[in-house]
Amino acid sequence: MIHDTWDHKGRRDMLRISLITALLAGCAALTGMTSSWAQADCERLLGSFNAALPQADLHAIIAAAQPILNSAECPAETRREVGVKVALAHVREADHIKEPARQLAMLERGMTYAQPWKMMKLIGDLRRKVPTSSGIIDYGAASLAYQSALADIADPQSVPNPPPKEVIQELMELANEGRMLSSTFVRGDVLLTRSLRDVAVQSVPVPVQFVRDSDKMTPLGQQYAAEMVQLLGEQGHPRVQLVGHTDPDGSDQYNLMLSLRRAQTVSRYLVEHGYPAANVDADGRGRSEPLVLAHASDYTKAQIYQMLRRVEVHYR
């Protein structure tokens, strides 16, 4: 009787194990089938999108892209690539528009899908020319657009083959100029860097502003100084030299001393906020080293003078 009881129990256990094994195998098969279905569905959607892409109808391209962009089954890389292609389709559409303001509006709609560097450069160029609704040029927005272009270029996965160094350098110059002309704070984390895709950064102009004829920073100037502390700290507090510059107004001796005092003010600020004193020096050049501007003819004399009054970060 005991032997019969254990034999019966053993057969039940074996049956239970067999059922569980079969159930797991069925689940695995179902998962594989579901994955195959999802992949096939994504490929079908991608085929429809690729068929619509050569067409001139932007609405049809967007309509074909939306199911892919909203699909959890399509791989993230596929969704990213589709987003870039939709953004570039907006660039193609903008090429047929003659009015700059409408061109800009079209390109900005494309930003919701992706921010490829070529599109962001065009947006930066237009923002330097097209006034806002209040009638002013938003140089800060232009700088951010150029910085987005640089951020895209900095990603080898997004841009395997970067543009020529001259293009990258021009984007940096335009982004820096936009920061210096902006009346509000504009971040510069892409600019205050040691290198970008084999383009070494030797110096970065920072728009630290001062009270007129003084070495006292304005509240906006302190914001830029605080950003310097943060970004240079994230780089491990590299050895830097802060160099002050002025516009041509005033005597050489006055401008030289004023530029030195302003550079020293920023240097003290950095040290007071944790920057190693041994890693930061200060110097003044007055008006002797004018800033090389990417498109000087686009600016007024007042704007050029504003950009000349700067403190540069030189990496040592």
Protein backbone atom coordinates (compact mmCIF):
# COMPACT_ATOMS: atom_id res chain seq x y z
CA MET A 1 0.00 0.00 0.00
CA ILE A 2 2.78 2.42 0.85
CA HIS A 3 4.53 1.64 -2.41
CA ASP A 4 1.29 2.20 -4.34
CA THR A 5 0.68 5.58 -2.64
CA TRP A 6 4.12 6.93 -3.49
CA ASP A 7 3.87 5.61 -7.03
CA HIS A 8 0.58 7.43 -7.50
CA LYS A 9 2.01 10.66 -6.08
CA GLY A 10 5.05 10.39 -8.30
CA ARG A 11 2.89 10.00 -11.39
CA ARG A 12 0.91 13.10 -10.40
CA ASP A 13 4.10 15.13 -9.93
CA MET A 14 5.42 14.04 -13.27
CA LEU A 15 2.14 14.98 -14.91
CA ARG A 16 2.24 18.41 -13.23
CA ILE A 17 5.81 19.00 -14.41
CA SER A 18 4.87 17.97 -17.93
CA LEU A 19 1.93 20.36 -17.94
CA ILE A 20 4.05 23.26 -16.66
CA THR A 21 6.76 22.54 -19.22
CA ALA A 22 4.21 22.48 -22.00
CA LEU A 23 2.66 25.72 -20.77
CA LEU A 24 6.02 27.49 -20.66
CA ALA A 25 6.88 26.24 -24.11
CA GLY A 26 3.55 27.51 -25.37
CA CYS A 27 4.15 30.92 -23.79
CA ALA A 28 7.60 31.12 -25.37
CA ALA A 29 6.17 30.21 -28.74
CA LEU A 30 3.41 32.77 -28.32
CA THR A 31 5.94 35.44 -27.34
CA GLY A 32 8.01 34.62 -30.40
CA MET A 33 4.93 34.79 -32.60
CA THR A 34 3.89 38.11 -31.05
CA SER A 35 7.39 39.50 -31.57
CA SER A 36 7.36 38.34 -35.18
CA TRP A 37 3.96 39.90 -35.74
CA ALA A 38 5.13 43.20 -34.19
CA GLN A 39 8.26 43.18 -36.35
CA ALA A 40 6.25 42.43 -39.46
CA ASP A 41 3.78 45.19 -38.60
CA CYS A 42 6.63 47.68 -38.06
CA GLU A 43 8.22 46.71 -41.37
CA ARG A 44 4.86 47.18 -43.09
CA LEU A 45 4.51 50.66 -41.56
CA LEU A 46 8.08 51.49 -42.53
CA GLY A 47 7.40 50.41 -46.09
CA SER A 48 4.41 52.77 -46.28
CA PHE A 49 6.50 55.61 -44.86
CA ASN A 50 9.36 55.06 -47.30
CA ALA A 51 6.87 55.06 -50.16
CA ALA A 52 5.45 58.40 -49.03
CA LEU A 53 8.83 60.04 -48.38
CA PRO A 54 9.76 60.94 -52.00
CA GLN A 55 6.41 62.64 -52.47
CA ALA A 56 6.05 66.39 -52.16
CA ASP A 57 3.04 66.06 -49.83
CA LEU A 58 4.33 66.82 -46.33
CA HIS A 59 0.98 65.93 -44.77
CA ALA A 60 1.14 62.45 -46.32
CA ILE A 61 4.68 61.96 -45.02
CA ILE A 62 3.64 62.97 -41.49
CA ALA A 63 0.56 60.74 -41.64
CA ALA A 64 2.71 57.76 -42.66
CA ALA A 65 5.26 58.51 -39.95
CA GLN A 66 2.89 58.89 -37.02
CA PRO A 67 2.03 55.17 -36.59
CA ILE A 68 5.76 54.40 -36.42
CA LEU A 69 6.58 57.25 -34.04
CA ASN A 70 3.70 56.20 -31.76
CA SER A 71 4.49 52.48 -31.92
CA ALA A 72 6.06 50.75 -28.93
CA GLU A 73 6.82 47.75 -31.15
CA CYS A 74 9.09 49.63 -33.57
CA PRO A 75 12.68 49.84 -32.29
CA ALA A 76 13.79 53.15 -30.79
CA GLU A 77 16.46 53.55 -33.46
CA THR A 78 13.83 53.12 -36.19
CA ARG A 79 11.64 55.76 -34.58
CA ARG A 80 14.62 58.12 -34.29
CA GLU A 81 15.56 57.70 -37.95
CA VAL A 82 11.97 58.28 -39.06
CA GLY A 83 11.80 61.42 -36.91
CA VAL A 84 14.95 62.78 -38.56
CA LYS A 85 13.55 62.10 -42.03
CA VAL A 86 10.30 63.89 -41.18
CA ALA A 87 12.27 66.88 -39.86
CA LEU A 88 14.30 67.00 -43.08
CA ALA A 89 11.07 66.81 -45.07
CA HIS A 90 10.17 70.11 -43.38
CA VAL A 91 13.48 71.50 -44.62
CA ARG A 92 12.56 70.44 -48.15
CA GLU A 93 9.17 72.09 -47.76
CA ALA A 94 10.75 75.30 -46.43
CA ASP A 95 12.97 75.50 -49.52
CA HIS A 96 9.86 76.27 -51.57
CA ILE A 97 8.82 79.16 -49.30
CA LYS A 98 10.15 82.61 -50.15
CA GLU A 99 9.07 84.55 -47.04
CA PRO A 100 11.68 84.09 -44.24
CA ALA A 101 9.12 84.26 -41.42
CA ARG A 102 7.07 81.46 -42.98
CA GLN A 103 10.24 79.50 -43.66
CA LEU A 104 11.16 79.75 -39.99
CA ALA A 105 7.69 78.67 -38.89
CA MET A 106 7.89 75.61 -41.14
CA LEU A 107 11.31 74.61 -39.83
CA GLU A 108 10.25 75.10 -36.22
CA ARG A 109 7.36 72.69 -36.78
CA GLY A 110 9.95 70.16 -37.90
CA MET A 111 11.76 70.51 -34.56
CA THR A 112 9.00 68.51 -32.87
CA TYR A 113 10.19 65.40 -34.74
CA ALA A 114 13.96 65.76 -34.50
CA GLN A 115 16.70 68.39 -34.52
CA PRO A 116 19.24 67.40 -37.20
CA TRP A 117 22.13 69.83 -37.39
CA LYS A 118 21.43 71.07 -40.92
CA MET A 119 17.90 72.08 -39.98
CA MET A 120 19.01 73.71 -36.72
CA LYS A 121 21.64 75.76 -38.56
CA LEU A 122 18.97 77.05 -40.93
CA ILE A 123 16.77 77.93 -37.94
CA GLY A 124 19.66 79.80 -36.33
CA ASP A 125 20.33 81.72 -39.54
CA LEU A 126 16.69 82.74 -39.84
CA ARG A 127 16.33 83.70 -36.19
CA ARG A 128 19.19 86.16 -36.69
CA LYS A 129 17.16 87.84 -39.44
CA VAL A 130 13.47 87.43 -38.63
CA PRO A 131 12.15 89.74 -35.87
CA THR A 132 9.89 88.37 -33.16
CA SER A 133 6.31 89.60 -32.72
CA SER A 134 7.72 92.44 -30.59
CA GLY A 135 9.94 93.54 -33.46
CA ILE A 136 13.33 92.47 -32.07
CA ILE A 137 15.86 89.85 -33.14
CA ASP A 138 16.05 87.00 -30.64
CA TYR A 139 19.79 86.37 -30.65
CA GLY A 140 19.46 84.06 -27.66
CA ALA A 141 17.13 81.76 -29.60
CA ALA A 142 19.56 81.84 -32.53
CA SER A 143 22.40 80.81 -30.21
CA LEU A 144 20.37 77.91 -28.84
CA ALA A 145 19.57 76.72 -32.37
CA TYR A 146 23.26 76.75 -33.30
CA GLN A 147 24.09 74.95 -30.08
CA SER A 148 21.51 72.27 -30.91
CA ALA A 149 23.22 71.84 -34.27
CA LEU A 150 26.55 71.44 -32.49
CA ALA A 151 25.06 68.94 -30.03
CA ASP A 152 23.81 66.83 -32.92
CA ILE A 153 27.21 66.96 -34.64
CA ALA A 154 28.90 65.94 -31.38
CA ASP A 155 26.97 62.63 -31.39
CA PRO A 156 28.80 60.14 -33.65
CA GLN A 157 25.76 57.88 -33.73
CA SER A 158 23.55 60.68 -35.04
CA VAL A 159 26.19 62.19 -37.37
CA PRO A 160 28.72 59.49 -38.34
CA ASN A 161 30.39 61.83 -40.85
CA PRO A 162 30.70 65.31 -39.34
CA PRO A 163 30.81 68.45 -41.52
CA PRO A 164 34.15 70.14 -42.23
CA LYS A 165 35.94 71.81 -39.33
CA GLU A 166 35.25 75.22 -40.86
CA VAL A 167 31.50 74.61 -40.58
CA ILE A 168 31.79 73.53 -36.93
CA GLN A 169 33.94 76.56 -36.12
CA GLU A 170 31.45 78.90 -37.78
CA LEU A 171 28.59 77.36 -35.80
CA MET A 172 30.56 77.92 -32.59
CA GLU A 173 31.27 81.54 -33.50
CA LEU A 174 27.63 82.24 -34.35
CA ALA A 175 26.41 80.54 -31.17
CA ASN A 176 28.84 82.60 -29.07
CA GLU A 177 27.85 85.83 -30.81
CA GLY A 178 24.17 85.12 -30.13
CA ARG A 179 24.88 84.61 -26.43
CA MET A 180 26.79 87.87 -26.19
CA LEU A 181 23.99 89.85 -27.88
CA SER A 182 21.16 88.32 -25.85
CA SER A 183 19.64 90.47 -23.11
CA THR A 184 18.73 87.34 -21.15
CA PHE A 185 20.73 84.36 -19.93
CA VAL A 186 21.51 81.75 -22.59
CA ARG A 187 23.10 78.47 -21.52
CA GLY A 188 26.42 77.58 -23.10
CA ASP A 189 27.16 74.00 -22.06
CA VAL A 190 27.85 72.98 -25.66
CA LEU A 191 30.24 75.89 -26.14
CA LEU A 192 32.32 75.75 -22.98
CA THR A 193 33.99 72.51 -23.97
CA ARG A 194 37.54 71.38 -24.73
CA SER A 195 36.82 69.90 -28.16
CA LEU A 196 34.03 68.91 -30.51
CA ARG A 197 34.56 66.22 -33.17
CA ASP A 198 38.31 66.85 -33.55
CA VAL A 199 37.88 70.64 -33.40
CA ALA A 200 39.99 71.81 -30.44
CA VAL A 201 38.53 74.74 -28.48
CA GLN A 202 41.31 77.10 -27.39
CA SER A 203 39.17 79.90 -25.97
CA VAL A 204 35.50 80.69 -25.34
CA PRO A 205 34.10 84.23 -25.01
CA VAL A 206 31.71 84.41 -22.07
CA PRO A 207 29.20 87.32 -21.98
CA VAL A 208 29.91 88.30 -18.37
CA GLN A 209 28.47 91.80 -18.12
CA PHE A 210 29.64 94.57 -15.81
CA VAL A 211 28.33 97.87 -14.54
CA ARG A 212 29.54 100.61 -16.90
CA ASP A 213 33.13 101.77 -16.22
CA SER A 214 33.28 99.30 -13.31
CA ASP A 215 34.55 95.85 -12.49
CA LYS A 216 31.31 95.00 -10.64
CA MET A 217 29.32 92.26 -12.36
CA THR A 218 25.66 92.81 -13.18
CA PRO A 219 23.14 90.17 -11.99
CA LEU A 220 23.19 88.71 -15.51
CA GLY A 221 26.98 88.67 -15.42
CA GLN A 222 26.87 86.71 -12.17
CA GLN A 223 24.63 84.12 -13.84
CA TYR A 224 27.26 83.54 -16.50
CA ALA A 225 30.01 83.38 -13.90
CA ALA A 226 28.00 80.79 -11.96
CA GLU A 227 27.58 78.75 -15.12
CA MET A 228 31.35 78.86 -15.63
CA VAL A 229 31.84 77.42 -12.13
CA GLN A 230 29.42 74.60 -12.89
CA LEU A 231 30.59 73.67 -16.40
CA LEU A 232 34.31 73.94 -15.69
CA GLY A 233 33.75 71.96 -12.50
CA GLU A 234 32.13 69.19 -14.53
CA GLN A 235 35.34 69.11 -16.59
CA GLY A 236 37.42 68.54 -13.46
CA HIS A 237 38.49 72.18 -12.89
CA PRO A 238 40.95 72.45 -15.78
CA ARG A 239 43.72 75.03 -15.75
CA VAL A 240 42.33 78.18 -17.36
CA GLN A 241 43.25 81.79 -17.92
CA LEU A 242 40.52 84.42 -17.82
CA VAL A 243 41.26 87.25 -20.25
CA GLY A 244 39.37 90.54 -20.14
CA HIS A 245 38.70 92.64 -23.26
CA THR A 246 37.09 96.04 -23.90
CA ASP A 247 35.68 98.03 -26.79
CA PRO A 248 37.79 100.81 -28.44
CA ASP A 249 36.32 103.67 -26.37
CA GLY A 250 38.78 105.21 -23.92
CA SER A 251 42.54 105.29 -23.71
CA ASP A 252 44.70 102.22 -24.09
CA GLN A 253 45.92 102.43 -20.49
CA TYR A 254 42.41 102.82 -19.07
CA ASN A 255 41.02 99.92 -21.09
CA LEU A 256 43.96 97.70 -20.21
CA MET A 257 43.49 98.21 -16.47
CA LEU A 258 39.71 97.92 -16.68
CA SER A 259 39.90 94.64 -18.61
CA LEU A 260 42.38 93.24 -16.06
CA ARG A 261 40.22 94.22 -13.10
CA ARG A 262 37.18 92.61 -14.70
CA ALA A 263 39.05 89.38 -15.39
CA GLN A 264 40.26 89.39 -11.79
CA THR A 265 36.68 89.87 -10.57
CA VAL A 266 35.56 86.77 -12.44
CA SER A 267 38.62 84.86 -11.22
CA ARG A 268 37.81 85.75 -7.59
CA TYR A 269 34.20 84.66 -8.14
CA LEU A 270 35.33 81.25 -9.37
CA VAL A 271 37.72 80.75 -6.43
CA GLU A 272 35.11 81.90 -3.90
CA HIS A 273 32.76 79.27 -5.32
CA GLY A 274 35.16 76.35 -5.04
CA TYR A 275 37.45 76.62 -8.05
CA PRO A 276 41.08 75.78 -7.18
CA ALA A 277 42.99 79.06 -7.06
CA ALA A 278 46.06 77.39 -8.57
CA ASN A 279 44.05 76.50 -11.69
CA VAL A 280 42.86 79.96 -12.66
CA ASP A 281 44.81 83.05 -13.76
CA ALA A 282 43.63 86.47 -14.89
CA ASP A 283 44.92 88.83 -17.55
CA GLY A 284 43.71 91.92 -19.38
CA ARG A 285 44.19 92.81 -23.03
CA GLY A 286 42.08 95.98 -23.23
CA ARG A 287 41.11 96.73 -26.79
CA SER A 288 44.22 95.21 -28.36
CA GLU A 289 42.60 91.91 -29.44
CA PRO A 290 39.24 92.54 -31.15
CA LEU A 291 36.89 89.59 -31.44
CA VAL A 292 36.87 87.91 -34.85
CA LEU A 293 33.20 87.86 -35.87
CA ALA A 294 31.67 85.33 -38.25
CA HIS A 295 29.48 87.93 -40.00
CA ALA A 296 30.53 91.37 -38.77
CA SER A 297 28.57 93.16 -41.51
CA ASP A 298 25.31 91.85 -40.02
CA TYR A 299 25.75 93.88 -36.82
CA THR A 300 25.53 97.52 -35.80
CA LYS A 301 28.46 99.35 -34.22
CA ALA A 302 26.75 99.16 -30.82
CA GLN A 303 26.31 95.41 -31.14
CA ILE A 304 29.94 94.91 -32.13
CA TYR A 305 31.08 96.98 -29.15
CA GLN A 306 28.86 94.90 -26.89
CA MET A 307 30.54 91.72 -28.09
CA LEU A 308 34.00 93.23 -27.74
CA ARG A 309 33.36 93.77 -24.02
CA ARG A 310 33.93 90.22 -22.90
CA VAL A 311 35.87 87.82 -20.69
CA GLU A 312 37.36 84.84 -22.50
CA VAL A 313 38.15 81.43 -21.02
CA HIS A 314 41.48 80.21 -22.37
CA TYR A 315 42.30 76.55 -21.76
CA ARG A 316 45.93 76.07 -20.69
